[in-house]
N, C-alpha and C. Protein backbone atom coordinates (compact mmCIF):
# COMPACT_ATOMS: atom_id res chain seq x y z
N MET A 1 14.28 -60.69 53.15
CA MET A 1 15.18 -59.33 52.92
C MET A 1 14.04 -58.70 51.82
N LYS A 2 13.42 -59.16 50.36
CA LYS A 2 12.87 -58.93 49.45
C LYS A 2 11.19 -58.59 50.26
N LEU A 3 10.88 -59.13 51.91
CA LEU A 3 9.59 -59.10 51.92
C LEU A 3 9.92 -57.69 52.44
N THR A 4 10.47 -57.56 53.49
CA THR A 4 10.72 -56.38 54.45
C THR A 4 10.64 -55.28 53.21
N PHE A 5 11.37 -55.30 52.34
CA PHE A 5 11.12 -54.47 51.11
C PHE A 5 10.32 -54.28 51.05
N GLY A 6 9.66 -54.63 50.24
CA GLY A 6 8.34 -54.96 49.53
C GLY A 6 7.31 -54.35 50.63
N CYS A 7 7.16 -54.49 51.96
CA CYS A 7 6.19 -54.26 52.78
C CYS A 7 6.56 -52.45 52.72
N ALA A 8 7.68 -52.65 52.68
CA ALA A 8 8.03 -50.88 53.01
C ALA A 8 7.51 -50.07 51.94
N LEU A 9 7.71 -50.71 51.16
CA LEU A 9 7.27 -49.92 49.77
C LEU A 9 6.05 -49.82 49.67
N LEU A 10 5.27 -50.92 50.00
CA LEU A 10 3.90 -50.82 49.89
C LEU A 10 2.84 -49.63 51.09
N VAL A 11 3.83 -49.70 52.20
CA VAL A 11 3.46 -48.69 53.48
C VAL A 11 3.26 -47.43 52.85
N SER A 12 4.38 -47.56 52.21
CA SER A 12 4.83 -45.78 51.61
C SER A 12 3.72 -45.63 50.74
N ALA A 13 3.44 -46.33 50.18
CA ALA A 13 2.30 -45.90 48.89
C ALA A 13 1.41 -45.32 48.85
N LEU A 14 0.77 -46.65 50.32
CA LEU A 14 -0.26 -46.24 51.25
C LEU A 14 -0.41 -44.43 51.78
N LEU A 15 1.04 -44.65 52.32
CA LEU A 15 0.90 -43.39 53.42
C LEU A 15 0.49 -42.17 52.54
N GLY A 16 1.21 -42.39 50.68
CA GLY A 16 1.26 -41.32 49.68
C GLY A 16 0.17 -40.77 49.55
N LEU A 17 -0.51 -41.86 49.29
CA LEU A 17 -1.67 -41.99 48.32
C LEU A 17 -3.04 -41.39 49.26
N SER A 18 -2.72 -41.54 50.91
CA SER A 18 -3.79 -41.37 52.02
C SER A 18 -3.63 -39.71 51.72
N ALA A 19 -2.97 -39.54 51.66
CA ALA A 19 -2.57 -37.95 51.96
C ALA A 19 -2.67 -37.28 50.75
N CYS A 20 -2.72 -37.62 49.51
CA CYS A 20 -3.36 -37.44 48.56
C CYS A 20 -5.20 -37.16 48.05
N ASN A 21 -5.64 -37.52 49.48
CA ASN A 21 -7.29 -37.56 49.52
C ASN A 21 -7.63 -36.46 50.28
N ARG A 22 -7.18 -36.17 51.38
CA ARG A 22 -7.13 -34.89 52.23
C ARG A 22 -8.20 -33.76 51.39
N ALA A 23 -9.10 -33.49 51.72
CA ALA A 23 -9.66 -32.27 51.73
C ALA A 23 -8.92 -30.88 51.98
N GLU A 24 -8.63 -30.12 51.10
CA GLU A 24 -7.90 -28.87 51.61
C GLU A 24 -9.43 -27.59 51.92
N SER A 25 -9.24 -27.04 52.60
CA SER A 25 -10.22 -26.38 53.55
C SER A 25 -10.68 -25.22 52.43
N PRO A 26 -12.38 -24.78 52.62
CA PRO A 26 -12.56 -23.68 51.77
C PRO A 26 -11.86 -22.79 51.10
N GLU A 27 -11.16 -22.12 52.34
CA GLU A 27 -10.46 -21.03 52.08
C GLU A 27 -9.63 -21.25 51.16
N LYS A 28 -8.69 -22.53 51.08
CA LYS A 28 -7.37 -22.32 50.99
C LYS A 28 -8.09 -22.59 49.04
N THR A 29 -9.28 -23.65 49.14
CA THR A 29 -9.92 -24.08 47.60
C THR A 29 -10.12 -23.07 46.83
N GLN A 30 -10.94 -21.76 47.70
CA GLN A 30 -11.15 -20.40 47.19
C GLN A 30 -10.27 -19.69 46.49
N ALA A 31 -8.90 -19.56 47.57
CA ALA A 31 -7.71 -18.99 46.88
C ALA A 31 -7.08 -19.69 45.82
N ASP A 32 -7.43 -21.05 45.53
CA ASP A 32 -6.87 -21.81 44.49
C ASP A 32 -7.53 -21.17 43.32
N VAL A 33 -9.00 -21.36 43.42
CA VAL A 33 -9.74 -21.01 42.19
C VAL A 33 -9.64 -19.63 41.96
N ALA A 34 -9.24 -18.77 42.62
CA ALA A 34 -9.06 -17.29 42.63
C ALA A 34 -7.39 -16.87 41.38
N LYS A 35 -6.67 -17.47 42.30
CA LYS A 35 -5.69 -17.27 41.48
C LYS A 35 -5.40 -18.26 40.00
N ALA A 36 -6.05 -19.28 40.31
CA ALA A 36 -6.41 -19.84 38.95
C ALA A 36 -7.49 -18.69 37.99
N GLN A 37 -7.93 -17.93 38.22
CA GLN A 37 -8.60 -17.25 37.42
C GLN A 37 -8.23 -16.15 36.91
N SER A 38 -7.34 -15.70 37.87
CA SER A 38 -6.41 -14.45 37.65
C SER A 38 -5.54 -14.85 36.69
N ASP A 39 -5.02 -15.77 36.90
CA ASP A 39 -3.85 -16.34 35.44
C ASP A 39 -4.18 -16.67 34.16
N ALA A 40 -5.18 -17.12 34.27
CA ALA A 40 -6.21 -17.57 33.22
C ALA A 40 -6.42 -16.28 32.27
N THR A 41 -6.72 -14.94 33.02
CA THR A 41 -7.06 -14.02 32.72
C THR A 41 -5.81 -13.37 31.96
N ALA A 42 -5.33 -13.16 32.56
CA ALA A 42 -3.28 -12.85 32.59
C ALA A 42 -3.36 -13.46 31.43
N GLU A 43 -3.30 -14.88 31.47
CA GLU A 43 -2.75 -15.18 29.77
C GLU A 43 -3.45 -14.83 28.37
N ASN A 44 -5.04 -14.89 28.85
CA ASN A 44 -6.20 -14.58 27.92
C ASN A 44 -5.69 -13.01 27.00
N ALA A 45 -5.34 -12.16 28.17
CA ALA A 45 -4.66 -10.93 27.83
C ALA A 45 -4.47 -10.74 27.11
N LYS A 46 -2.88 -11.65 27.15
CA LYS A 46 -1.48 -11.78 26.53
C LYS A 46 -1.67 -11.97 24.99
N ALA A 47 -2.68 -13.28 24.79
CA ALA A 47 -3.11 -13.81 24.04
C ALA A 47 -3.61 -12.73 23.11
N GLU A 48 -4.56 -12.30 23.64
CA GLU A 48 -5.35 -11.22 22.74
C GLU A 48 -4.40 -9.79 22.15
N GLU A 49 -3.48 -9.42 23.43
CA GLU A 49 -2.40 -8.40 22.64
C GLU A 49 -1.25 -9.05 21.88
N LYS A 50 -1.38 -10.29 21.61
CA LYS A 50 -0.65 -11.07 20.53
C LYS A 50 -1.23 -10.93 19.17
N GLN A 51 -2.37 -11.59 19.65
CA GLN A 51 -3.61 -11.49 18.19
C GLN A 51 -3.62 -10.07 17.41
N LYS A 52 -3.92 -9.04 18.46
CA LYS A 52 -3.61 -8.08 17.91
C LYS A 52 -2.58 -6.96 17.28
N GLU A 53 -1.44 -8.02 17.62
CA GLU A 53 -0.06 -7.31 17.51
C GLU A 53 0.23 -8.12 15.86
N VAL A 54 -0.32 -9.24 15.55
CA VAL A 54 0.11 -10.31 14.25
C VAL A 54 -1.22 -9.69 13.31
N GLN A 55 -2.46 -9.20 13.98
CA GLN A 55 -3.26 -8.61 12.66
C GLN A 55 -2.51 -7.41 12.24
N ALA A 56 -2.26 -6.63 12.86
CA ALA A 56 -1.77 -4.91 12.50
C ALA A 56 -0.47 -5.00 11.98
N GLU A 57 -0.09 -6.15 12.19
CA GLU A 57 1.60 -6.53 11.31
C GLU A 57 0.95 -7.10 10.08
N ALA A 58 -0.31 -7.99 10.16
CA ALA A 58 -0.54 -8.83 8.53
C ALA A 58 -1.12 -7.43 7.69
N THR A 59 -2.01 -6.73 8.29
CA THR A 59 -2.38 -5.53 7.54
C THR A 59 -1.37 -5.10 6.93
N LYS A 60 -0.22 -4.08 7.82
CA LYS A 60 0.51 -3.59 7.48
C LYS A 60 1.71 -4.32 6.37
N GLU A 61 1.49 -5.46 6.07
CA GLU A 61 2.34 -6.44 5.31
C GLU A 61 1.20 -6.63 3.56
N ARG A 62 -0.25 -6.54 4.12
CA ARG A 62 -1.17 -6.87 2.96
C ARG A 62 -1.02 -5.44 2.41
N ALA A 63 -0.85 -3.95 3.31
CA ALA A 63 -0.63 -2.62 2.11
C ALA A 63 0.38 -2.70 1.51
N ASP A 64 1.63 -3.10 2.10
CA ASP A 64 2.72 -2.90 1.72
C ASP A 64 2.82 -3.76 0.01
N ALA A 65 2.49 -4.98 0.55
CA ALA A 65 2.33 -5.56 -1.15
C ALA A 65 1.28 -5.38 -1.90
N GLN A 66 0.34 -4.41 -1.19
CA GLN A 66 -0.67 -3.65 -2.62
C GLN A 66 0.09 -2.86 -3.05
N THR A 67 0.95 -1.66 -2.49
CA THR A 67 1.57 -0.90 -2.61
C THR A 67 2.62 -0.90 -3.98
N LYS A 68 2.98 -2.74 -3.61
CA LYS A 68 4.42 -2.70 -4.28
C LYS A 68 3.93 -3.10 -5.86
N ALA A 69 2.83 -3.94 -5.38
CA ALA A 69 2.22 -4.39 -6.42
C ALA A 69 1.42 -3.27 -7.63
N THR A 70 1.08 -2.56 -7.01
CA THR A 70 0.38 -1.14 -7.87
C THR A 70 1.46 -0.44 -8.27
N ASP A 71 2.87 -0.11 -7.75
CA ASP A 71 3.91 -0.08 -8.07
C ASP A 71 4.44 -0.14 -9.38
N LYS A 72 4.53 -1.53 -9.57
CA LYS A 72 4.63 -2.51 -10.47
C LYS A 72 3.88 -2.87 -11.74
N SER A 73 2.80 -2.51 -11.30
CA SER A 73 1.77 -2.06 -12.47
C SER A 73 1.77 -0.63 -13.06
N VAL A 74 1.96 0.15 -12.28
CA VAL A 74 2.00 1.57 -13.01
C VAL A 74 3.49 1.67 -13.61
N GLY A 75 4.76 0.93 -13.49
CA GLY A 75 6.31 1.05 -14.26
C GLY A 75 5.75 0.30 -15.27
N ALA A 76 4.69 -1.46 -15.36
CA ALA A 76 4.77 -1.94 -16.85
C ALA A 76 3.79 -1.08 -17.55
N LEU A 77 2.97 -0.31 -16.92
CA LEU A 77 2.34 0.95 -17.86
C LEU A 77 3.13 1.86 -18.44
N VAL A 78 4.01 2.34 -17.94
CA VAL A 78 4.45 3.43 -18.01
C VAL A 78 5.57 2.70 -19.38
N ASP A 79 6.01 1.98 -18.93
CA ASP A 79 7.32 1.00 -19.60
C ASP A 79 6.61 0.63 -21.12
N THR A 80 5.49 0.57 -21.33
CA THR A 80 4.65 0.14 -22.05
C THR A 80 4.68 1.31 -22.77
N ALA A 81 4.00 2.47 -22.47
CA ALA A 81 3.50 3.56 -22.88
C ALA A 81 4.83 4.24 -23.87
N VAL A 82 6.12 4.66 -22.86
CA VAL A 82 7.12 4.89 -24.15
C VAL A 82 7.77 3.79 -24.70
N THR A 83 7.40 2.53 -24.61
CA THR A 83 7.80 1.45 -26.36
C THR A 83 6.71 2.17 -27.40
N GLU A 84 5.68 1.96 -26.79
CA GLU A 84 4.76 2.70 -28.29
C GLU A 84 5.18 3.82 -28.87
N ALA A 85 5.29 4.91 -27.74
CA ALA A 85 5.96 6.33 -28.40
C ALA A 85 6.91 6.41 -29.07
N GLU A 86 8.09 5.34 -28.65
CA GLU A 86 8.90 4.99 -29.83
C GLU A 86 8.72 4.15 -30.63
N GLY A 87 7.85 3.27 -30.90
CA GLY A 87 7.34 2.91 -32.37
C GLY A 87 6.69 3.67 -33.15
N GLU A 88 5.88 4.78 -32.59
CA GLU A 88 5.00 5.30 -33.51
C GLU A 88 6.23 7.05 -33.76
N THR A 89 6.99 6.85 -33.23
CA THR A 89 8.36 7.98 -33.44
C THR A 89 8.95 7.72 -34.61
N LYS A 90 9.31 6.22 -34.63
CA LYS A 90 10.43 5.82 -36.07
C LYS A 90 9.21 5.92 -36.50
N VAL A 91 8.15 5.37 -36.97
CA VAL A 91 6.80 5.81 -38.00
C VAL A 91 6.80 7.07 -38.44
N ALA A 92 7.12 8.03 -37.62
CA ALA A 92 6.85 9.41 -37.52
C ALA A 92 8.41 9.89 -38.65
N LEU A 93 9.36 9.49 -38.37
CA LEU A 93 10.31 9.68 -38.50
C LEU A 93 10.68 9.33 -40.04
N ALA A 94 10.02 8.17 -40.39
CA ALA A 94 10.21 7.58 -41.64
C ALA A 94 9.10 8.43 -42.43
N LYS A 95 8.03 9.26 -42.20
CA LYS A 95 7.19 9.54 -42.85
C LYS A 95 8.02 10.90 -43.28
N CYS A 96 8.69 11.46 -42.25
CA CYS A 96 9.15 13.01 -42.66
C CYS A 96 10.32 12.73 -43.66
N GLU A 97 10.93 11.29 -44.01
CA GLU A 97 11.63 11.55 -45.03
C GLU A 97 11.21 11.80 -46.21
N ALA A 98 9.81 11.59 -46.12
CA ALA A 98 9.19 11.68 -47.92
C ALA A 98 9.38 13.65 -47.74
N LEU A 99 9.41 14.27 -46.62
CA LEU A 99 9.19 15.58 -47.17
C LEU A 99 11.06 16.03 -47.47
N ALA A 100 10.96 17.75 -47.51
CA ALA A 100 11.81 18.07 -47.60
C ALA A 100 12.22 19.43 -47.31
N GLY A 101 13.67 19.44 -46.87
CA GLY A 101 13.92 20.67 -46.60
C GLY A 101 13.31 20.96 -44.84
N ASP A 102 12.84 22.36 -44.73
CA ASP A 102 12.73 22.57 -43.69
C ASP A 102 11.55 22.11 -42.93
N ALA A 103 10.36 21.42 -43.67
CA ALA A 103 9.68 20.28 -43.65
C ALA A 103 10.12 19.35 -42.50
N GLN A 104 11.08 18.94 -43.50
CA GLN A 104 11.26 17.81 -42.85
C GLN A 104 12.04 17.62 -41.40
N LYS A 105 12.87 19.00 -41.19
CA LYS A 105 13.31 19.04 -40.32
C LYS A 105 12.24 19.53 -39.30
N ALA A 106 11.18 19.67 -39.29
CA ALA A 106 10.24 19.97 -38.39
C ALA A 106 9.46 19.11 -38.35
N CYS A 107 9.03 18.30 -38.89
CA CYS A 107 8.61 16.87 -38.83
C CYS A 107 9.45 16.33 -37.80
N LYS A 108 10.43 16.44 -37.59
CA LYS A 108 11.77 15.38 -36.96
C LYS A 108 11.82 16.05 -35.86
N ASP A 109 11.80 17.35 -35.55
CA ASP A 109 11.59 17.76 -34.37
C ASP A 109 10.28 17.87 -33.34
N GLU A 110 9.19 17.64 -34.52
CA GLU A 110 7.92 17.45 -33.83
C GLU A 110 7.91 15.89 -33.22
N ALA A 111 8.61 14.74 -34.13
CA ALA A 111 8.19 13.14 -33.45
C ALA A 111 8.95 13.14 -32.43
N ASN A 112 10.55 13.93 -32.44
CA ASN A 112 11.24 14.07 -31.58
C ASN A 112 11.01 14.35 -29.97
N ALA A 113 10.32 15.78 -30.13
CA ALA A 113 9.64 16.14 -29.17
C ALA A 113 8.68 15.35 -28.25
N HIS A 114 7.54 14.61 -29.27
CA HIS A 114 6.68 14.04 -28.64
C HIS A 114 7.39 12.77 -27.59
N LEU A 115 8.44 12.36 -28.54
CA LEU A 115 9.15 10.95 -27.74
C LEU A 115 9.35 11.73 -26.49
N GLU A 116 10.39 13.14 -26.30
CA GLU A 116 10.67 13.19 -25.06
C GLU A 116 9.67 13.32 -24.29
N ALA A 117 8.63 14.17 -24.71
CA ALA A 117 7.65 14.25 -23.53
C ALA A 117 7.07 13.36 -22.92
N VAL A 118 6.66 12.31 -23.58
CA VAL A 118 5.94 10.96 -23.20
C VAL A 118 7.36 10.51 -22.48
N LYS A 119 8.56 10.25 -22.79
CA LYS A 119 9.81 10.14 -21.77
C LYS A 119 9.86 10.90 -20.26
N GLU A 120 9.62 11.96 -20.44
CA GLU A 120 9.75 12.67 -19.15
C GLU A 120 8.32 12.70 -17.82
N LYS A 121 7.07 12.04 -18.96
CA LYS A 121 5.87 11.76 -18.28
C LYS A 121 5.89 10.90 -17.51
N ALA A 122 6.80 9.74 -18.33
CA ALA A 122 7.22 8.48 -17.62
C ALA A 122 7.68 8.59 -16.61
N LYS A 123 8.94 9.33 -16.80
CA LYS A 123 9.82 9.02 -15.31
C LYS A 123 9.00 9.90 -14.09
N ALA A 124 8.21 11.17 -14.45
CA ALA A 124 7.64 11.30 -13.43
C ALA A 124 6.77 10.11 -12.60
N ALA A 125 5.75 9.41 -13.59
CA ALA A 125 5.37 8.85 -13.08
C ALA A 125 6.11 7.26 -12.19
N LYS A 126 6.94 6.95 -12.37
CA LYS A 126 7.94 6.47 -11.99
C LYS A 126 8.39 6.91 -10.55
N ALA A 127 8.66 8.22 -10.66
CA ALA A 127 9.06 8.81 -9.16
C ALA A 127 8.16 9.05 -8.11
N ASN A 128 6.94 8.80 -8.45
CA ASN A 128 5.59 8.73 -7.58
C ASN A 128 5.65 7.62 -7.27
């Protein structure tokens, strides 16, 4: 039984291998080559399109990141300018205390007006 099964298996394997070694006709080979080339060209086109999409997305992300970084930088500069103006105003108001009457009032009004102008410019800069 084992011998019969073994022989049958051997014959099947030999028949399978002999079928694999048959040469295809030149027309079939040419058609297979043409299809493989067409498939490769289509896959290459898809890959190139995907690459273009990824590059475009990366470029947009870089531009967005650059804009965000610039906005943060402008915001920090504006905040610094306002802080400096507030400090200058405190110093100016302290100096105004040495004056009397209308001169003191005018001095304080001028210092506060300067601070408000800086704050308005800061607000406008952040809005842009």
